[in-house]
N, C-alpha and C. Protein backbone atom coordinates (compact mmCIF):
# COMPACT_ATOMS: atom_id res chain seq x y z
N MET A 1 130.92 -108.99 79.61
CA MET A 1 130.49 -107.85 78.97
C MET A 1 130.02 -108.01 77.38
N ASP A 2 128.89 -107.20 77.41
CA ASP A 2 128.10 -107.41 75.83
C ASP A 2 129.49 -106.86 74.49
N ASP A 3 129.38 -108.18 73.79
CA ASP A 3 129.92 -107.76 72.85
C ASP A 3 129.47 -106.90 71.92
N LYS A 4 128.23 -106.28 72.08
CA LYS A 4 127.41 -105.15 71.16
C LYS A 4 128.14 -103.58 71.91
N GLN A 5 128.64 -103.75 73.11
CA GLN A 5 128.83 -102.43 73.62
C GLN A 5 129.86 -101.56 72.97
N LEU A 6 129.35 -100.27 72.43
CA LEU A 6 130.66 -99.35 72.28
C LEU A 6 131.83 -99.08 72.90
N LYS A 7 132.86 -99.32 72.70
CA LYS A 7 134.23 -98.96 73.21
C LYS A 7 135.28 -98.33 72.22
N THR A 8 135.88 -97.21 73.30
CA THR A 8 136.90 -96.49 72.07
C THR A 8 138.45 -97.34 72.03
N GLY A 9 138.57 -98.44 72.92
CA GLY A 9 139.60 -99.33 73.05
C GLY A 9 140.93 -98.44 72.06
N THR A 10 140.92 -97.31 72.81
CA THR A 10 142.18 -96.35 72.08
C THR A 10 143.54 -96.09 72.60
N THR A 11 143.89 -95.11 71.55
CA THR A 11 145.25 -94.34 72.12
C THR A 11 145.17 -93.06 72.33
N THR A 12 145.27 -92.37 73.14
CA THR A 12 145.47 -91.04 73.55
C THR A 12 146.64 -90.85 74.27
N VAL A 13 147.39 -89.38 74.04
CA VAL A 13 148.59 -89.26 74.71
C VAL A 13 148.24 -87.76 75.14
N ALA A 14 148.87 -87.25 76.35
CA ALA A 14 149.08 -85.80 76.88
C ALA A 14 150.71 -85.39 76.71
N LEU A 15 151.32 -84.08 75.62
CA LEU A 15 152.87 -83.93 76.23
C LEU A 15 152.69 -82.30 76.99
N LEU A 16 153.27 -82.19 77.80
CA LEU A 16 153.52 -81.10 78.45
C LEU A 16 154.89 -80.41 77.77
N CYS A 17 154.31 -79.09 77.09
CA CYS A 17 155.45 -78.26 76.21
C CYS A 17 156.09 -76.98 76.98
N LYS A 18 156.83 -76.15 76.47
CA LYS A 18 157.20 -75.12 77.36
C LYS A 18 156.44 -74.05 77.14
N ASP A 19 155.11 -73.93 76.01
CA ASP A 19 154.41 -72.77 75.91
C ASP A 19 152.58 -73.57 75.60
N GLY A 20 152.60 -74.82 76.26
CA GLY A 20 151.62 -75.51 76.30
C GLY A 20 151.29 -76.97 76.72
N ILE A 21 150.07 -77.06 76.18
CA ILE A 21 149.79 -78.82 76.05
C ILE A 21 149.26 -79.19 74.98
N VAL A 22 149.90 -80.69 74.37
CA VAL A 22 149.59 -80.92 73.41
C VAL A 22 148.56 -82.41 73.81
N LEU A 23 147.71 -82.54 73.11
CA LEU A 23 146.51 -83.72 73.09
C LEU A 23 146.59 -84.46 71.47
N ALA A 24 146.46 -85.67 71.76
CA ALA A 24 146.37 -86.10 70.59
C ALA A 24 145.66 -88.20 71.28
N ALA A 25 145.06 -87.98 70.04
CA ALA A 25 143.95 -89.53 69.94
C ALA A 25 143.79 -89.92 68.77
N ASP A 26 143.83 -91.36 68.79
CA ASP A 26 143.30 -91.77 67.36
C ASP A 26 142.05 -91.76 67.48
N LYS A 27 141.49 -92.53 65.91
CA LYS A 27 140.00 -91.98 65.90
C LYS A 27 139.07 -93.51 65.44
N ARG A 28 139.24 -94.62 66.23
CA ARG A 28 138.63 -95.69 65.78
C ARG A 28 137.88 -95.93 67.17
N VAL A 29 136.42 -96.63 66.61
CA VAL A 29 135.87 -97.15 67.97
C VAL A 29 135.48 -98.50 67.87
N THR A 30 135.49 -99.30 68.74
CA THR A 30 135.32 -100.86 68.64
C THR A 30 134.22 -101.14 69.20
N SER A 31 133.56 -102.11 68.72
CA SER A 31 132.38 -103.24 69.42
C SER A 31 132.80 -104.74 69.15
N GLY A 32 133.61 -105.02 69.98
CA GLY A 32 133.93 -106.44 70.04
C GLY A 32 135.10 -106.55 68.84
N TYR A 33 134.68 -107.34 67.76
CA TYR A 33 135.83 -107.31 66.85
C TYR A 33 135.53 -106.28 65.72
N LEU A 34 134.26 -105.86 65.36
CA LEU A 34 133.97 -104.88 64.69
C LEU A 34 134.66 -103.27 64.91
N ILE A 35 134.70 -102.76 64.08
CA ILE A 35 134.89 -101.46 63.86
C ILE A 35 133.85 -100.59 63.90
N SER A 36 133.57 -100.01 64.91
CA SER A 36 132.31 -99.32 64.80
C SER A 36 132.24 -97.97 64.34
N ASN A 37 133.23 -97.46 64.38
CA ASN A 37 133.07 -95.88 63.78
C ASN A 37 134.58 -95.69 63.27
N LYS A 38 135.19 -95.13 62.40
CA LYS A 38 136.21 -94.96 61.71
C LYS A 38 136.69 -93.42 62.41
N LYS A 39 135.70 -92.46 62.27
CA LYS A 39 136.00 -91.19 62.80
C LYS A 39 135.88 -90.48 63.73
N PHE A 40 135.80 -91.24 64.72
CA PHE A 40 135.34 -90.74 66.04
C PHE A 40 136.18 -89.61 66.83
N GLU A 41 135.54 -88.42 67.50
CA GLU A 41 136.60 -87.25 67.86
C GLU A 41 136.75 -87.80 69.47
N LYS A 42 137.92 -88.28 69.65
CA LYS A 42 138.31 -88.24 70.91
C LYS A 42 138.87 -87.35 72.21
N ILE A 43 139.03 -86.16 71.63
CA ILE A 43 139.46 -84.66 72.16
C ILE A 43 138.42 -83.62 72.36
N PHE A 44 137.89 -83.19 73.28
CA PHE A 44 136.54 -82.22 73.46
C PHE A 44 137.21 -81.26 74.27
N PRO A 45 137.02 -79.99 73.79
CA PRO A 45 137.02 -78.95 74.47
C PRO A 45 135.64 -78.70 75.84
N ILE A 46 136.08 -78.52 76.87
CA ILE A 46 135.09 -78.64 78.05
C ILE A 46 134.81 -77.00 78.59
N SER A 47 135.85 -75.99 78.18
CA SER A 47 135.74 -74.71 78.33
C SER A 47 136.75 -74.30 77.10
N GLU A 48 136.86 -72.62 77.13
CA GLU A 48 137.75 -72.28 76.47
C GLU A 48 138.86 -72.54 76.51
N SER A 49 138.78 -72.71 77.61
CA SER A 49 140.63 -73.04 77.93
C SER A 49 141.03 -74.33 78.75
N ILE A 50 140.10 -75.48 78.30
CA ILE A 50 140.65 -76.90 79.18
C ILE A 50 139.59 -77.71 77.99
N ALA A 51 140.69 -78.69 77.55
CA ALA A 51 140.31 -79.91 77.03
C ALA A 51 140.38 -81.17 77.61
N VAL A 52 139.82 -82.17 77.00
CA VAL A 52 140.12 -83.78 77.51
C VAL A 52 140.07 -84.81 76.41
N THR A 53 140.56 -85.73 76.70
CA THR A 53 140.81 -86.82 75.58
C THR A 53 140.09 -87.75 76.72
N VAL A 54 139.25 -88.51 75.63
CA VAL A 54 138.26 -89.67 76.27
C VAL A 54 138.68 -90.88 75.47
N ALA A 55 138.72 -91.85 76.77
CA ALA A 55 138.82 -93.56 76.45
C ALA A 55 137.63 -93.95 77.42
N GLY A 56 137.05 -95.24 76.51
CA GLY A 56 136.13 -96.36 77.53
C GLY A 56 135.01 -96.19 77.27
N THR A 57 134.03 -96.71 77.48
CA THR A 57 132.40 -96.84 77.30
C THR A 57 132.29 -95.73 76.36
N VAL A 58 131.57 -95.72 75.33
CA VAL A 58 131.21 -94.31 74.45
C VAL A 58 130.34 -93.30 75.36
N SER A 59 129.05 -94.06 75.37
CA SER A 59 127.95 -93.52 76.06
C SER A 59 128.25 -92.94 77.10
N ASP A 60 129.16 -93.67 78.35
CA ASP A 60 129.53 -92.73 79.98
C ASP A 60 130.60 -91.82 79.49
N ILE A 61 131.46 -91.80 78.39
CA ILE A 61 132.59 -90.48 78.38
C ILE A 61 131.73 -89.31 77.67
N GLN A 62 130.38 -89.89 76.54
CA GLN A 62 129.86 -89.00 76.27
C GLN A 62 128.95 -87.89 77.01
N LEU A 63 128.23 -88.76 78.21
CA LEU A 63 127.27 -88.18 79.05
C LEU A 63 128.14 -87.51 80.00
N LEU A 64 129.32 -88.03 80.31
CA LEU A 64 129.97 -87.26 81.66
C LEU A 64 130.98 -86.30 81.00
N THR A 65 131.11 -85.78 79.65
CA THR A 65 131.68 -84.86 79.04
C THR A 65 130.39 -84.10 78.89
N LYS A 66 129.30 -84.20 79.02
CA LYS A 66 128.15 -82.99 78.60
C LYS A 66 128.00 -82.76 80.52
N TYR A 67 127.94 -83.53 81.18
CA TYR A 67 128.15 -83.17 82.68
C TYR A 67 128.99 -82.23 82.81
N ILE A 68 130.26 -82.50 82.63
CA ILE A 68 131.39 -81.62 82.96
C ILE A 68 131.20 -79.96 82.56
N LYS A 69 130.32 -80.15 81.09
CA LYS A 69 130.77 -78.75 80.57
C LYS A 69 129.54 -78.17 81.04
N ALA A 70 128.41 -78.40 81.41
CA ALA A 70 127.61 -77.90 81.77
C ALA A 70 127.54 -77.21 83.05
N GLU A 71 128.27 -78.32 84.08
CA GLU A 71 128.56 -77.33 85.42
C GLU A 71 129.37 -76.57 85.29
N LEU A 72 130.84 -76.36 84.21
CA LEU A 72 131.58 -75.45 84.20
C LEU A 72 130.89 -74.29 84.12
N SER A 73 130.11 -74.67 82.84
CA SER A 73 129.15 -73.21 82.76
C SER A 73 128.48 -72.35 83.13
N LEU A 74 127.66 -73.29 84.33
CA LEU A 74 126.64 -73.05 85.42
C LEU A 74 127.58 -72.47 86.23
N ARG A 75 128.67 -72.53 86.86
CA ARG A 75 129.75 -72.27 87.26
C ARG A 75 130.67 -70.97 87.26
N ALA A 76 130.55 -70.44 85.76
CA ALA A 76 130.78 -69.75 85.35
C ALA A 76 129.87 -68.24 85.75
N ILE A 77 128.97 -68.86 85.25
CA ILE A 77 127.55 -67.83 85.57
C ILE A 77 127.53 -67.22 86.54
N ARG A 78 127.57 -68.12 87.97
CA ARG A 78 127.03 -68.06 89.29
C ARG A 78 128.35 -67.33 90.14
N THR A 79 129.69 -67.81 89.84
CA THR A 79 130.85 -66.94 90.34
C THR A 79 131.30 -65.58 89.43
N GLY A 80 131.04 -65.62 88.11
CA GLY A 80 131.61 -64.66 87.40
C GLY A 80 132.85 -64.82 86.85
N ARG A 81 133.42 -66.15 86.93
CA ARG A 81 134.93 -66.87 86.64
C ARG A 81 134.99 -67.77 86.01
N GLU A 82 135.85 -67.96 85.55
CA GLU A 82 136.11 -69.48 84.85
C GLU A 82 136.95 -70.29 85.95
N ALA A 83 136.08 -71.31 86.04
CA ALA A 83 136.82 -72.27 86.88
C ALA A 83 137.93 -72.64 86.46
N SER A 84 139.13 -73.04 87.30
CA SER A 84 140.82 -73.34 87.31
C SER A 84 140.73 -74.63 86.94
N VAL A 85 141.49 -74.67 86.25
CA VAL A 85 141.75 -76.55 85.74
C VAL A 85 141.75 -77.28 87.07
N LYS A 86 142.10 -77.43 88.10
CA LYS A 86 142.45 -78.19 89.28
C LYS A 86 140.73 -78.05 89.45
N GLU A 87 140.09 -77.23 89.59
CA GLU A 87 138.38 -77.25 89.84
C GLU A 87 137.78 -78.17 89.05
N ALA A 88 137.93 -77.74 87.79
CA ALA A 88 137.51 -78.94 86.71
C ALA A 88 137.75 -80.59 86.62
N VAL A 89 138.97 -80.54 87.44
CA VAL A 89 139.51 -81.93 87.44
C VAL A 89 138.87 -82.45 88.68
N ASN A 90 139.07 -82.11 89.37
CA ASN A 90 138.07 -82.33 91.22
C ASN A 90 136.44 -82.65 90.36
N LEU A 91 135.82 -81.97 89.69
CA LEU A 91 134.71 -81.90 89.78
C LEU A 91 134.45 -83.27 88.88
N LEU A 92 135.39 -83.45 87.80
CA LEU A 92 135.19 -84.68 86.99
C LEU A 92 135.41 -85.79 87.22
N GLY A 93 136.60 -86.19 88.37
CA GLY A 93 136.68 -86.83 88.97
C GLY A 93 135.84 -87.25 90.17
N MET A 94 135.12 -86.57 90.32
CA MET A 94 133.74 -86.83 91.23
C MET A 94 132.81 -88.02 90.63
N PHE A 95 132.56 -87.34 89.23
CA PHE A 95 131.80 -87.78 88.37
C PHE A 95 132.15 -89.22 87.82
N VAL A 96 133.40 -89.47 87.57
CA VAL A 96 134.17 -90.91 87.11
C VAL A 96 133.74 -91.73 88.20
N TYR A 97 134.33 -91.09 89.63
CA TYR A 97 134.18 -91.92 90.92
C TYR A 97 133.00 -92.43 91.10
N GLY A 98 132.11 -91.85 91.29
CA GLY A 98 130.49 -91.96 90.90
C GLY A 98 129.69 -92.93 90.02
N ASN A 99 130.36 -92.78 88.79
CA ASN A 99 130.10 -93.54 87.50
C ASN A 99 130.30 -95.38 87.55
N ILE A 100 131.53 -95.21 87.79
CA ILE A 100 132.26 -96.27 88.28
C ILE A 100 132.05 -97.42 89.42
N ARG A 101 130.69 -96.75 90.20
CA ARG A 101 130.85 -97.36 91.47
C ARG A 101 129.31 -97.29 91.87
N LYS A 102 128.24 -97.13 90.34
CA LYS A 102 126.99 -97.37 90.74
C LYS A 102 126.60 -99.06 89.56
N TYR A 103 125.57 -99.48 89.96
CA TYR A 103 125.07 -100.52 89.82
C TYR A 103 124.77 -100.45 88.23
N SER A 104 125.53 -101.24 87.19
CA SER A 104 125.03 -100.91 86.04
C SER A 104 125.25 -102.74 85.28
N ILE A 105 124.39 -103.30 84.22
CA ILE A 105 124.56 -104.62 83.41
C ILE A 105 125.86 -103.70 82.67
N ILE A 106 125.90 -102.68 82.27
CA ILE A 106 126.98 -102.28 81.30
C ILE A 106 127.98 -101.48 81.93
N PRO A 107 129.55 -101.83 82.58
CA PRO A 107 130.73 -101.40 83.64
C PRO A 107 130.36 -100.12 82.59
N GLY A 108 130.50 -98.72 83.70
CA GLY A 108 130.90 -97.48 83.01
C GLY A 108 132.49 -96.80 83.46
N VAL A 109 133.01 -97.49 82.39
CA VAL A 109 134.63 -97.60 82.41
C VAL A 109 134.60 -96.09 81.85
N SER A 110 135.38 -94.86 82.23
CA SER A 110 135.75 -93.86 81.45
C SER A 110 136.87 -93.39 82.31
N HIS A 111 137.89 -92.84 80.99
CA HIS A 111 139.29 -92.58 81.20
C HIS A 111 139.35 -91.24 80.52
N PHE A 112 139.96 -89.80 81.41
CA PHE A 112 140.24 -88.93 81.18
C PHE A 112 141.62 -88.36 81.27
N ILE A 113 141.91 -87.62 79.98
CA ILE A 113 143.34 -86.59 80.54
C ILE A 113 142.68 -85.39 80.20
N VAL A 114 143.25 -84.60 81.00
CA VAL A 114 142.46 -83.07 81.57
C VAL A 114 143.89 -82.17 81.00
N ALA A 115 143.56 -81.28 79.97
CA ALA A 115 144.78 -80.25 79.99
C ALA A 115 144.14 -79.03 79.58
N GLY A 116 144.66 -78.04 80.54
CA GLY A 116 144.03 -76.61 80.53
C GLY A 116 145.06 -75.38 81.11
N LYS A 117 144.46 -74.34 80.98
CA LYS A 117 145.18 -73.46 81.13
C LYS A 117 144.47 -72.40 82.02
N ASP A 118 144.84 -71.96 83.00
CA ASP A 118 144.29 -71.07 83.85
C ASP A 118 145.36 -69.67 84.71
N SER A 119 144.80 -69.18 86.16
CA SER A 119 145.94 -67.88 86.69
C SER A 119 147.24 -68.28 86.45
N ASP A 120 147.45 -69.84 86.75
CA ASP A 120 148.28 -70.32 87.57
C ASP A 120 149.25 -70.94 86.56
N GLY A 121 149.20 -71.08 85.13
CA GLY A 121 149.97 -71.60 84.00
C GLY A 121 149.30 -72.68 83.51
N PHE A 122 149.82 -73.59 82.78
CA PHE A 122 149.50 -74.81 82.25
C PHE A 122 149.22 -75.94 82.89
N HIS A 123 148.54 -76.65 83.19
CA HIS A 123 148.14 -78.28 84.26
C HIS A 123 147.65 -79.09 83.21
N GLY A 124 148.31 -80.33 82.93
CA GLY A 124 147.99 -81.64 82.99
C GLY A 124 147.29 -82.85 83.92
N TYR A 125 146.26 -83.35 83.98
CA TYR A 125 145.93 -84.44 84.87
C TYR A 125 145.47 -85.47 83.98
N ASP A 126 145.62 -87.12 84.62
CA ASP A 126 145.35 -88.36 84.33
C ASP A 126 144.17 -88.80 85.32
N ILE A 127 142.46 -88.76 84.69
CA ILE A 127 141.93 -89.32 85.65
C ILE A 127 141.65 -90.80 85.28
N SER A 128 141.83 -91.56 85.96
CA SER A 128 141.81 -92.80 85.56
C SER A 128 140.03 -93.54 86.14
N PRO A 129 139.84 -94.48 85.30
CA PRO A 129 138.59 -95.11 85.47
C PRO A 129 137.89 -95.76 86.98
N ASP A 130 138.96 -95.09 87.73
CA ASP A 130 138.46 -95.70 89.15
C ASP A 130 138.19 -93.96 89.84
N GLY A 131 138.59 -92.81 88.88
CA GLY A 131 138.36 -91.72 90.13
C GLY A 131 139.56 -90.79 90.69
N SER A 132 140.41 -91.85 90.64
CA SER A 132 142.03 -91.16 91.02
C SER A 132 142.65 -90.03 90.15
N ILE A 133 143.09 -89.66 90.56
CA ILE A 133 143.41 -88.09 90.16
C ILE A 133 145.22 -88.08 90.24
N ILE A 134 145.62 -87.86 88.93
CA ILE A 134 147.46 -88.06 88.80
C ILE A 134 147.81 -86.62 88.01
N GLU A 135 148.77 -85.57 88.50
CA GLU A 135 149.17 -84.32 87.79
C GLU A 135 150.20 -85.19 87.18
N ILE A 136 150.11 -84.68 85.83
CA ILE A 136 151.31 -85.03 85.07
C ILE A 136 152.06 -83.80 84.75
N ASP A 137 153.51 -84.04 84.84
CA ASP A 137 154.62 -83.11 84.79
C ASP A 137 155.63 -83.37 83.24
N ASP A 138 154.91 -84.31 82.67
CA ASP A 138 155.81 -84.70 81.65
C ASP A 138 154.72 -85.22 80.21
N TYR A 139 154.48 -86.11 80.38
CA TYR A 139 153.92 -86.92 79.39
C TYR A 139 152.77 -88.20 80.23
N THR A 140 151.68 -88.41 79.33
CA THR A 140 151.04 -89.62 79.69
C THR A 140 150.78 -90.49 78.79
N SER A 141 149.96 -91.48 78.59
CA SER A 141 149.16 -92.04 77.41
C SER A 141 148.23 -92.90 78.50
N SER A 142 146.77 -92.89 77.90
CA SER A 142 145.74 -94.17 78.38
C SER A 142 145.60 -95.04 76.83
N GLY A 143 144.64 -96.03 77.30
CA GLY A 143 143.75 -96.89 76.10
C GLY A 143 144.74 -97.96 75.97
N SER A 144 144.36 -98.82 75.12
CA SER A 144 144.48 -99.93 74.83
C SER A 144 145.66 -99.96 74.10
N GLY A 145 146.49 -98.92 73.37
CA GLY A 145 147.78 -98.71 72.71
C GLY A 145 148.46 -98.22 73.49
N SER A 146 148.43 -97.81 74.93
CA SER A 146 149.36 -96.80 75.69
C SER A 146 151.00 -97.36 75.67
N VAL A 147 150.94 -98.74 75.68
CA VAL A 147 152.08 -99.21 75.79
C VAL A 147 153.25 -99.04 74.88
N MET A 148 152.43 -99.02 73.73
CA MET A 148 153.23 -98.79 72.26
C MET A 148 153.55 -97.07 72.13
N ALA A 149 152.65 -96.80 72.89
CA ALA A 149 152.75 -94.93 72.79
C ALA A 149 153.64 -94.44 73.48
N TYR A 150 154.28 -95.51 75.08
CA TYR A 150 154.71 -94.94 75.78
C TYR A 150 156.38 -95.69 75.37
N GLY A 151 156.40 -96.12 74.70
CA GLY A 151 157.53 -96.35 73.94
C GLY A 151 158.30 -95.40 73.27
N VAL A 152 157.31 -94.81 72.71
CA VAL A 152 157.77 -93.83 71.80
C VAL A 152 158.34 -92.69 72.54
N LEU A 153 157.41 -92.07 73.27
CA LEU A 153 157.56 -91.14 74.73
C LEU A 153 158.44 -91.05 75.23
N GLU A 154 158.85 -91.86 76.03
CA GLU A 154 160.18 -92.43 76.90
C GLU A 154 161.11 -92.14 76.14
N THR A 155 161.23 -92.33 74.59
CA THR A 155 162.87 -92.34 73.71
C THR A 155 162.59 -90.79 73.29
N LEU A 156 161.71 -90.62 73.04
CA LEU A 156 161.95 -88.99 72.41
C LEU A 156 161.78 -87.87 73.00
N TYR A 157 160.92 -88.10 74.14
CA TYR A 157 160.36 -86.97 74.95
C TYR A 157 161.48 -85.90 75.49
N LYS A 158 161.45 -84.34 75.15
CA LYS A 158 162.23 -83.99 76.12
C LYS A 158 161.57 -82.83 76.69
N PRO A 159 162.06 -82.57 77.96
CA PRO A 159 161.70 -81.19 78.46
C PRO A 159 161.39 -79.56 77.60
N ASN A 160 160.65 -79.35 77.59
CA ASN A 160 160.64 -77.88 77.39
C ASN A 160 160.93 -77.76 75.95
N MET A 161 159.90 -78.62 75.05
CA MET A 161 159.51 -79.07 73.62
C MET A 161 158.80 -77.68 73.33
N SER A 162 158.76 -77.47 72.18
CA SER A 162 157.70 -76.50 71.50
C SER A 162 156.52 -76.89 71.35
N ILE A 163 155.63 -76.18 71.14
CA ILE A 163 154.08 -76.91 70.50
C ILE A 163 154.23 -77.74 69.03
N ASP A 164 155.29 -77.21 68.15
CA ASP A 164 155.05 -77.87 67.14
C ASP A 164 156.05 -78.73 67.45
N GLU A 165 157.05 -78.70 68.01
CA GLU A 165 157.66 -80.60 68.35
C GLU A 165 156.89 -81.53 68.82
N GLY A 166 156.10 -81.05 69.97
CA GLY A 166 155.27 -81.68 70.44
C GLY A 166 153.85 -82.70 69.85
N VAL A 167 153.84 -81.71 68.91
CA VAL A 167 152.84 -82.04 67.70
C VAL A 167 153.28 -83.34 67.21
N LYS A 168 154.44 -83.17 66.69
CA LYS A 168 155.01 -84.22 65.88
C LYS A 168 155.26 -85.50 66.37
N LEU A 169 155.50 -85.16 68.17
CA LEU A 169 155.86 -86.63 68.51
C LEU A 169 154.81 -86.84 69.24
N ALA A 170 153.78 -86.13 69.14
CA ALA A 170 152.39 -86.61 69.58
C ALA A 170 151.78 -87.89 68.33
N VAL A 171 152.10 -87.50 67.37
CA VAL A 171 151.55 -88.11 66.07
C VAL A 171 152.79 -89.24 65.68
N LYS A 172 153.60 -89.43 66.34
CA LYS A 172 154.32 -90.48 66.37
C LYS A 172 154.06 -91.45 67.26
N ALA A 173 153.76 -91.05 68.20
CA ALA A 173 153.64 -92.14 69.65
C ALA A 173 152.20 -92.73 69.20
N ILE A 174 150.96 -91.84 68.36
CA ILE A 174 149.97 -92.63 67.98
C ILE A 174 149.81 -93.06 66.83
N ASN A 175 150.76 -93.06 65.95
CA ASN A 175 151.48 -93.97 65.22
C ASN A 175 151.43 -95.23 65.34
N ALA A 176 152.58 -95.47 66.38
CA ALA A 176 153.15 -96.52 66.75
C ALA A 176 152.25 -97.35 67.33
N ALA A 177 151.09 -96.90 68.22
CA ALA A 177 149.87 -97.68 68.75
C ALA A 177 149.52 -98.42 67.32
N VAL A 178 148.85 -97.43 66.07
CA VAL A 178 147.95 -98.02 65.22
C VAL A 178 148.42 -98.99 64.56
N GLN A 179 149.97 -98.79 64.45
CA GLN A 179 150.32 -99.93 63.90
C GLN A 179 150.12 -101.22 64.64
N ARG A 180 150.35 -101.59 66.07
CA ARG A 180 150.75 -102.50 66.38
C ARG A 180 149.24 -102.86 67.46
N ASP A 181 148.25 -102.03 67.82
CA ASP A 181 147.07 -102.33 68.21
C ASP A 181 146.25 -102.28 67.37
N ILE A 182 145.03 -103.51 67.78
CA ILE A 182 144.12 -103.54 66.87
C ILE A 182 143.02 -102.83 67.11
N ALA A 183 142.71 -102.20 68.43
CA ALA A 183 141.73 -101.01 68.91
C ALA A 183 141.85 -99.90 68.57
N SER A 184 143.12 -99.40 68.04
CA SER A 184 143.16 -98.01 67.77
C SER A 184 143.83 -97.83 66.14
N GLY A 185 143.14 -96.84 65.77
CA GLY A 185 143.82 -96.97 63.99
C GLY A 185 142.88 -95.71 63.35
N ASN A 186 143.03 -95.46 62.36
CA ASN A 186 142.32 -95.12 61.55
C ASN A 186 142.58 -93.26 61.28
N GLY A 187 143.26 -92.95 62.14
CA GLY A 187 143.71 -91.26 62.01
C GLY A 187 143.93 -90.98 63.35
N VAL A 188 144.19 -89.73 63.14
CA VAL A 188 144.70 -89.25 64.81
C VAL A 188 144.24 -87.73 64.60
N ASP A 189 143.44 -87.05 65.88
CA ASP A 189 143.62 -85.29 66.17
C ASP A 189 144.49 -85.46 67.02
N VAL A 190 145.03 -84.03 66.57
CA VAL A 190 145.75 -83.24 67.91
C VAL A 190 145.30 -81.88 67.94
N ILE A 191 144.97 -81.78 69.44
CA ILE A 191 144.40 -80.10 70.25
C ILE A 191 145.73 -79.51 70.99
N ALA A 192 146.27 -78.29 70.78
CA ALA A 192 147.05 -78.05 71.83
C ALA A 192 146.04 -76.87 72.45
N VAL A 193 146.74 -76.94 73.62
CA VAL A 193 146.18 -75.90 74.60
C VAL A 193 147.45 -74.59 74.92
N THR A 194 147.05 -73.56 74.49
CA THR A 194 148.24 -72.85 74.41
C THR A 194 147.62 -71.14 75.23
N LYS A 195 148.43 -70.20 75.26
CA LYS A 195 148.07 -69.06 75.93
C LYS A 195 146.53 -68.54 75.12
N ASP A 196 146.41 -69.07 73.77
CA ASP A 196 145.26 -68.82 73.58
C ASP A 196 143.89 -69.49 73.45
N GLY A 197 144.35 -70.47 74.29
CA GLY A 197 143.02 -71.35 74.52
C GLY A 197 143.31 -72.96 73.82
N VAL A 198 142.19 -73.44 73.44
CA VAL A 198 142.16 -74.72 72.91
C VAL A 198 141.94 -74.41 71.35
N LYS A 199 142.62 -75.38 70.45
CA LYS A 199 142.64 -75.20 69.09
C LYS A 199 143.31 -76.46 68.98
N LYS A 200 142.17 -77.14 67.72
CA LYS A 200 143.00 -78.29 66.65
C LYS A 200 144.14 -77.58 65.83
N VAL A 201 145.28 -78.33 66.02
CA VAL A 201 146.18 -78.27 64.92
C VAL A 201 146.39 -79.12 64.26
N HIS A 202 146.02 -80.33 64.06
CA HIS A 202 146.46 -81.41 63.39
C HIS A 202 145.27 -82.66 63.20
N SER A 203 144.81 -83.09 61.89
CA SER A 203 143.94 -83.99 61.86
C SER A 203 143.91 -84.69 60.74
N GLN A 204 143.94 -86.02 60.79
CA GLN A 204 144.63 -87.02 59.50
C GLN A 204 143.89 -87.93 59.64
N LEU A 205 143.34 -88.25 58.37
CA LEU A 205 142.80 -89.79 58.61
C LEU A 205 143.61 -90.67 57.69
N LEU A 206 143.70 -92.22 58.45
CA LEU A 206 145.12 -93.11 57.96
C LEU A 206 144.96 -93.85 56.68
N THR A 207 146.11 -93.27 56.08
CA THR A 207 146.07 -94.13 55.09
C THR A 207 147.06 -95.08 55.00
N TYR A 208 148.41 -95.08 54.87
CA TYR A 208 149.09 -96.07 55.69
C TYR A 208 149.98 -95.90 56.87
N LYS A 209 150.68 -94.59 57.11
CA LYS A 209 151.53 -93.98 58.01
C LYS A 209 151.15 -92.72 58.24
N LEU A 210 150.86 -92.16 59.11
CA LEU A 210 150.58 -91.15 59.88
C LEU A 210 151.68 -90.59 59.82
N GLU A 211 151.92 -89.27 59.12
CA GLU A 211 152.92 -87.96 59.21
C GLU A 211 152.96 -86.73 59.88
N ALA A 212 153.59 -86.50 60.66
CA ALA A 212 152.85 -84.97 61.16
C ALA A 212 153.48 -84.07 60.30
């Protein structure tokens, strides 16, 4: 793999709460042993009620994010309704499946966590780099720092947490990763998907230790 290839080498988490879903991610982008960017946004709204976290090769995740946003906008115009979360996930999963299997000298690695709201409630999905889709019923994490994040989530996650509790736990999970994973760091962003849609609820640059 080319050392100059930009990778997020990241930590992202998703938590299902009683009144929505919390998404969080660190802010570091690496290129080999170089920290290429310290303020990278790794959580993107793809509609008014759906957001994704990203991990993998930066160029691929940026392109696929643009594809899914454009396709969802076109579908809304054609059908007169917003796509359900499952429809958006299946479409993005097909993009990821095709992307990893096309021939390229740069591997098209992309990992997404999708959280959204539709008429059936709140839904979270993990789309792995091979295009497989797994529905989330409590929490998940992706990226190089996910092992450390899972340790926090396994210990402290409780069903029916409030959004505020979920935000604090998500920050703790990201903090655990940035303390030990060299490819994660520099800060944290947190987005909540609630009945009011997608909203950034916390953003912090790392000084020493993250606090919720």
